[in-house]
């Protein structure tokens, strides 16, 4: 891979990053607050690629030879001092004067793969399969000091907030309030559907599922990764996650409805 090819790959990579950053595609990989940094990184890659192409494609500068100066071909041995017998060394060539060409490592072509992934085959956000392969994120004891729920009936809370209050606060901060949660359907340890939502600290690589068991009016006949909105109340029932043996809280479902996939799929 020569310098021009490197610049083209760099230009494509920067363009793919900027394209993903100005749309909602980047939300499949990182948190929303990282958008400015992604845009800045993509623009920096584009600038670096353009500058490299300009440097490589600019016309070669001509060197003026003063009158009376020794002619290179006649007065200087071929190849210059210390290089007699090997022919003249041409500035800017990719040869070292011994017939050997200099090439960058071919592994650089692998940079084209993330470009194709972002432009052509963008993978979906983590869903039910990832939730089934990882243990619930609520596996460590936390301080059970939660503020009261906001006003409203039902009050809209995140799956993580409800699960934390139900598991570590024993539902004390929920009381008899009705709550409304949004998540996707996944298969539970007993084959019954559960409500799940992926949470991440930085990017999709550290995504972990938060799982909720469902009791009461349990949704039936829905495929995995179907997004639903559940309205219900606190349940003191607990289950066990077979992946990491952590406790899974439940919610008493009063009603539910199918909803479109939200713009922000991670919590």
Protein backbone atom coordinates (compact mmCIF):
# COMPACT_ATOMS: atom_id res chain seq x y z
CA UNK A 1 0.00 0.00 0.00
CA UNK A 2 1.58 3.30 -1.10
CA UNK A 3 0.98 6.71 0.42
CA UNK A 4 -1.82 7.59 -1.98
CA UNK A 5 -3.73 4.41 -1.19
CA UNK A 6 -3.24 5.06 2.53
CA UNK A 7 -4.70 8.54 2.11
CA UNK A 8 -7.73 7.22 0.22
CA UNK A 9 -8.42 4.62 2.93
CA UNK A 10 -8.00 7.30 5.59
CA UNK A 11 -10.40 9.58 3.71
CA UNK A 12 -13.02 6.83 3.49
CA UNK A 13 -12.63 6.00 7.18
CA UNK A 14 -12.99 9.63 8.22
CA UNK A 15 -16.02 10.07 5.97
CA UNK A 16 -17.65 6.95 7.42
CA UNK A 17 -17.09 8.21 10.98
CA UNK A 18 -18.56 11.63 10.17
CA UNK A 19 -21.54 10.06 8.37
CA UNK A 20 -22.30 7.83 11.36
CA UNK A 21 -21.88 10.76 13.75
CA UNK A 22 -24.30 13.14 12.02
CA UNK A 23 -26.99 10.44 11.88
CA UNK A 24 -28.31 8.19 14.65
CA UNK A 25 -26.11 5.32 13.47
CA UNK A 26 -23.42 6.14 16.05
CA UNK A 27 -25.89 5.40 18.87
CA UNK A 28 -25.46 1.69 18.09
CA UNK A 29 -21.83 1.87 19.16
CA UNK A 30 -21.29 4.63 21.74
CA UNK A 31 -23.18 6.87 24.15
CA UNK A 32 -24.93 9.99 22.88
CA UNK A 33 -22.55 12.38 24.65
CA UNK A 34 -19.59 11.18 22.56
CA UNK A 35 -20.96 12.61 19.30
CA UNK A 36 -18.78 15.80 19.31
CA UNK A 37 -15.63 13.74 19.81
CA UNK A 38 -16.57 11.40 16.96
CA UNK A 39 -17.21 14.31 14.59
CA UNK A 40 -13.90 15.92 15.55
CA UNK A 41 -12.02 12.64 15.04
CA UNK A 42 -13.65 12.06 11.64
CA UNK A 43 -12.84 15.59 10.44
CA UNK A 44 -9.24 15.19 11.63
CA UNK A 45 -8.91 11.98 9.59
CA UNK A 46 -10.32 13.72 6.52
CA UNK A 47 -7.94 16.67 6.87
CA UNK A 48 -4.97 14.31 7.29
CA UNK A 49 -6.00 12.36 4.19
CA UNK A 50 -6.45 15.49 2.07
CA UNK A 51 -3.09 16.89 3.15
CA UNK A 52 -1.38 13.57 2.36
CA UNK A 53 -2.94 13.45 -1.12
CA UNK A 54 -1.94 17.07 -1.76
CA UNK A 55 1.63 16.36 -0.72
CA UNK A 56 1.88 13.22 -2.86
CA UNK A 57 0.23 14.65 -5.98
CA UNK A 58 1.78 18.12 -6.03
CA UNK A 59 4.19 18.82 -8.95
CA UNK A 60 7.85 18.11 -8.23
CA UNK A 61 9.87 21.30 -7.67
CA UNK A 62 12.53 22.04 -10.33
CA UNK A 63 16.05 22.86 -9.12
CA UNK A 64 17.79 25.60 -11.11
CA UNK A 65 21.44 24.82 -12.01
CA UNK A 66 23.63 27.95 -12.17
CA UNK A 67 25.62 28.56 -15.37
CA UNK A 68 29.08 27.01 -15.22
CA UNK A 69 28.15 24.48 -12.59
CA UNK A 70 29.34 20.93 -13.21
CA UNK A 71 26.88 18.87 -15.14
CA UNK A 72 25.41 16.01 -13.14
CA UNK A 73 25.73 13.54 -15.95
CA UNK A 74 29.22 14.54 -17.05
CA UNK A 75 31.14 15.70 -13.96
CA UNK A 76 29.57 13.62 -11.16
CA UNK A 77 29.89 9.84 -11.15
CA UNK A 78 26.65 8.01 -11.82
CA UNK A 79 24.76 7.61 -8.63
CA UNK A 80 26.62 10.43 -6.87
CA UNK A 81 29.53 10.14 -4.42
CA UNK A 82 29.62 6.85 -2.61
CA UNK A 83 27.19 5.32 -5.06
CA UNK A 84 29.35 4.73 -8.10
CA UNK A 85 28.27 1.90 -10.32
CA UNK A 86 24.73 1.71 -9.02
CA UNK A 87 23.09 4.29 -11.21
CA UNK A 88 21.63 7.66 -10.24
CA UNK A 89 19.32 7.81 -7.26
CA UNK A 90 16.10 9.52 -8.21
CA UNK A 91 14.60 11.70 -5.48
CA UNK A 92 11.11 10.67 -4.48
CA UNK A 93 11.38 7.18 -5.94
CA UNK A 94 10.40 4.11 -3.94
CA UNK A 95 13.68 2.35 -4.68
CA UNK A 96 16.82 2.33 -2.55
CA UNK A 97 19.33 2.33 -5.41
CA UNK A 98 19.85 -1.45 -5.24
CA UNK A 99 16.71 -2.37 -7.13
CA UNK A 100 14.65 -3.00 -4.01
CA UNK A 101 11.30 -1.23 -3.67
CA UNK A 102 9.96 0.06 -0.37
CA UNK A 103 6.34 -0.93 0.36
CA UNK A 104 4.16 -0.32 3.40
CA UNK A 105 2.84 -3.43 5.19
CA UNK A 106 -0.10 -5.01 3.40
CA UNK A 107 -1.93 -5.29 6.72
CA UNK A 108 -2.87 -1.63 6.22
CA UNK A 109 -5.57 -2.77 3.79
CA UNK A 110 -7.48 -4.15 6.78
CA UNK A 111 -8.45 -0.56 7.59
CA UNK A 112 -10.96 -0.84 4.77
CA UNK A 113 -13.02 -3.36 6.77
CA UNK A 114 -14.44 -0.93 9.37
CA UNK A 115 -15.19 1.47 6.51
CA UNK A 116 -17.27 -1.18 4.74
CA UNK A 117 -18.90 -2.07 8.05
CA UNK A 118 -20.00 1.51 8.68
CA UNK A 119 -21.06 2.27 5.11
CA UNK A 120 -22.52 -1.01 3.87
CA UNK A 121 -23.17 -3.55 6.64
CA UNK A 122 -23.86 -1.56 9.81
CA UNK A 123 -24.66 -4.13 12.54
CA UNK A 124 -27.76 -3.61 14.70
CA UNK A 125 -27.64 -2.57 18.32
CA UNK A 126 -27.15 -5.27 20.94
CA UNK A 127 -30.37 -7.14 21.61
CA UNK A 128 -31.83 -10.36 22.96
CA UNK A 129 -28.94 -12.57 21.84
CA UNK A 130 -26.40 -10.41 23.70
CA UNK A 131 -28.72 -10.34 26.72
CA UNK A 132 -28.87 -14.12 26.74
CA UNK A 133 -25.10 -14.48 26.63
CA UNK A 134 -24.31 -12.08 29.49
CA UNK A 135 -25.36 -11.96 33.10
CA UNK A 136 -27.53 -9.16 34.41
CA UNK A 137 -25.66 -5.96 35.19
CA UNK A 138 -27.20 -5.73 38.68
CA UNK A 139 -24.90 -8.30 40.22
CA UNK A 140 -23.23 -6.25 42.97
CA UNK A 141 -24.77 -4.81 46.12
CA UNK A 142 -25.39 -1.07 45.95
CA UNK A 143 -26.47 1.53 48.46
CA UNK A 144 -30.28 1.47 48.74
CA UNK A 145 -30.93 5.17 49.17
CA UNK A 146 -33.22 6.24 46.31
CA UNK A 147 -35.18 9.49 45.96
CA UNK A 148 -38.98 9.41 45.55
CA UNK A 149 -40.34 8.72 42.09
CA UNK A 150 -41.39 11.74 40.00
CA UNK A 151 -45.03 12.78 39.73
CA UNK A 152 -47.33 11.06 37.30
CA UNK A 153 -49.55 8.00 37.01
CA UNK A 154 -48.09 5.92 35.65
CA UNK A 155 -44.61 7.35 36.14
CA UNK A 156 -42.14 6.63 33.35
CA UNK A 157 -38.88 5.13 34.64
CA UNK A 158 -36.01 3.31 33.00
CA UNK A 159 -35.59 -0.44 33.25
CA UNK A 160 -32.33 0.13 35.16
CA UNK A 161 -33.99 2.50 37.66
CA UNK A 162 -36.88 0.13 38.38
CA UNK A 163 -34.62 -2.91 38.65
CA UNK A 164 -32.26 -1.12 41.03
CA UNK A 165 -35.13 0.07 43.28
CA UNK A 166 -36.80 -3.34 43.22
CA UNK A 167 -33.63 -5.28 43.97
CA UNK A 168 -31.62 -3.07 46.32
CA UNK A 169 -34.41 -0.99 47.89
CA UNK A 170 -36.92 -3.87 48.12
CA UNK A 171 -39.44 -1.63 46.36
CA UNK A 172 -39.61 0.83 49.29
CA UNK A 173 -39.12 3.86 47.03
CA UNK A 174 -41.69 2.51 44.54
CA UNK A 175 -44.47 1.68 46.98
CA UNK A 176 -47.83 1.16 45.33
CA UNK A 177 -47.08 3.49 42.41
CA UNK A 178 -47.70 2.41 38.84
CA UNK A 179 -44.63 2.53 36.61
CA UNK A 180 -44.15 2.43 32.85
CA UNK A 181 -41.03 0.83 31.31
CA UNK A 182 -39.80 0.36 27.75
CA UNK A 183 -37.56 -2.50 26.69
CA UNK A 184 -37.24 -5.45 24.33
CA UNK A 185 -38.48 -8.99 24.74
CA UNK A 186 -35.92 -11.71 25.42
CA UNK A 187 -36.15 -15.35 26.43
CA UNK A 188 -35.91 -15.95 30.18
CA UNK A 189 -34.21 -18.86 31.94
CA UNK A 190 -37.46 -20.86 31.97
CA UNK A 191 -38.35 -20.01 28.39
CA UNK A 192 -40.84 -17.34 29.43
CA UNK A 193 -40.44 -13.81 28.02
CA UNK A 194 -38.59 -11.22 30.07
CA UNK A 195 -38.12 -7.48 29.61
CA UNK A 196 -34.54 -6.39 28.97
CA UNK A 197 -32.57 -3.24 28.16
CA UNK A 198 -28.87 -2.89 27.42
CA UNK A 199 -26.81 -0.42 29.45
CA UNK A 200 -23.31 0.76 28.64
CA UNK A 201 -20.66 2.89 30.26
CA UNK A 202 -18.89 4.04 27.09
CA UNK A 203 -19.52 1.94 23.99
CA UNK A 204 -21.26 -1.22 22.81
CA UNK A 205 -18.20 -3.31 23.73
CA UNK A 206 -19.01 -2.89 27.45
CA UNK A 207 -22.79 -3.26 27.03
CA UNK A 208 -24.53 -5.31 29.73
CA UNK A 209 -28.20 -6.32 29.97
CA UNK A 210 -30.61 -5.37 32.73
CA UNK A 211 -33.29 -8.06 32.96
CA UNK A 212 -36.78 -7.98 34.46
CA UNK A 213 -39.02 -10.97 35.00
CA UNK A 214 -42.67 -10.52 34.07
CA UNK A 215 -45.70 -11.70 36.01
CA UNK A 216 -49.39 -10.90 35.67
CA UNK A 217 -50.45 -9.96 32.13
CA UNK A 218 -47.33 -11.45 30.53
CA UNK A 219 -46.94 -10.69 26.78
CA UNK A 220 -47.37 -13.80 24.65
CA UNK A 221 -46.56 -14.64 21.05
CA UNK A 222 -43.91 -11.93 20.62
CA UNK A 223 -40.58 -12.57 18.91
CA UNK A 224 -37.29 -11.76 20.60
CA UNK A 225 -36.14 -8.15 20.15
CA UNK A 226 -39.73 -6.89 19.93
CA UNK A 227 -39.93 -3.56 21.75
CA UNK A 228 -42.82 -3.15 24.19
CA UNK A 229 -44.05 -0.62 26.73
CA UNK A 230 -45.09 -2.22 30.01
CA UNK A 231 -47.27 -0.65 32.72
CA UNK A 232 -47.31 -2.34 36.10
CA UNK A 233 -46.47 -2.32 39.80
CA UNK A 234 -43.68 -3.56 42.02
CA UNK A 235 -43.46 -7.29 42.65
CA UNK A 236 -41.37 -8.85 45.41
CA UNK A 237 -40.79 -11.96 43.33
CA UNK A 238 -37.15 -12.71 42.43
CA UNK A 239 -35.54 -15.03 39.92
CA UNK A 240 -32.01 -16.18 39.15
CA UNK A 241 -29.93 -15.43 36.10
CA UNK A 242 -28.40 -18.72 34.84
CA UNK A 243 -25.44 -16.87 33.32
CA UNK A 244 -24.00 -15.31 36.50
CA UNK A 245 -26.44 -16.53 39.19
CA UNK A 246 -27.48 -12.95 40.02
CA UNK A 247 -30.97 -12.06 41.20
CA UNK A 248 -33.52 -10.84 38.65
CA UNK A 249 -36.37 -8.65 39.97
CA UNK A 250 -39.93 -8.94 38.63
CA UNK A 251 -42.67 -6.51 37.73
CA UNK A 252 -46.42 -7.16 38.00
CA UNK A 253 -47.66 -6.33 34.50
CA UNK A 254 -51.07 -4.66 34.27
CA UNK A 255 -50.94 -3.79 30.57
CA UNK A 256 -48.50 -3.68 27.69
CA UNK A 257 -48.31 -2.56 24.08
CA UNK A 258 -45.88 -2.99 21.22
CA UNK A 259 -43.89 0.15 20.32
CA UNK A 260 -41.42 1.08 17.57
CA UNK A 261 -37.70 0.67 18.20
CA UNK A 262 -36.61 3.80 20.10
CA UNK A 263 -33.94 6.14 18.80
CA UNK A 264 -31.80 5.52 21.89
CA UNK A 265 -31.74 1.76 22.37
CA UNK A 266 -29.21 1.83 25.24
CA UNK A 267 -29.65 3.19 28.74
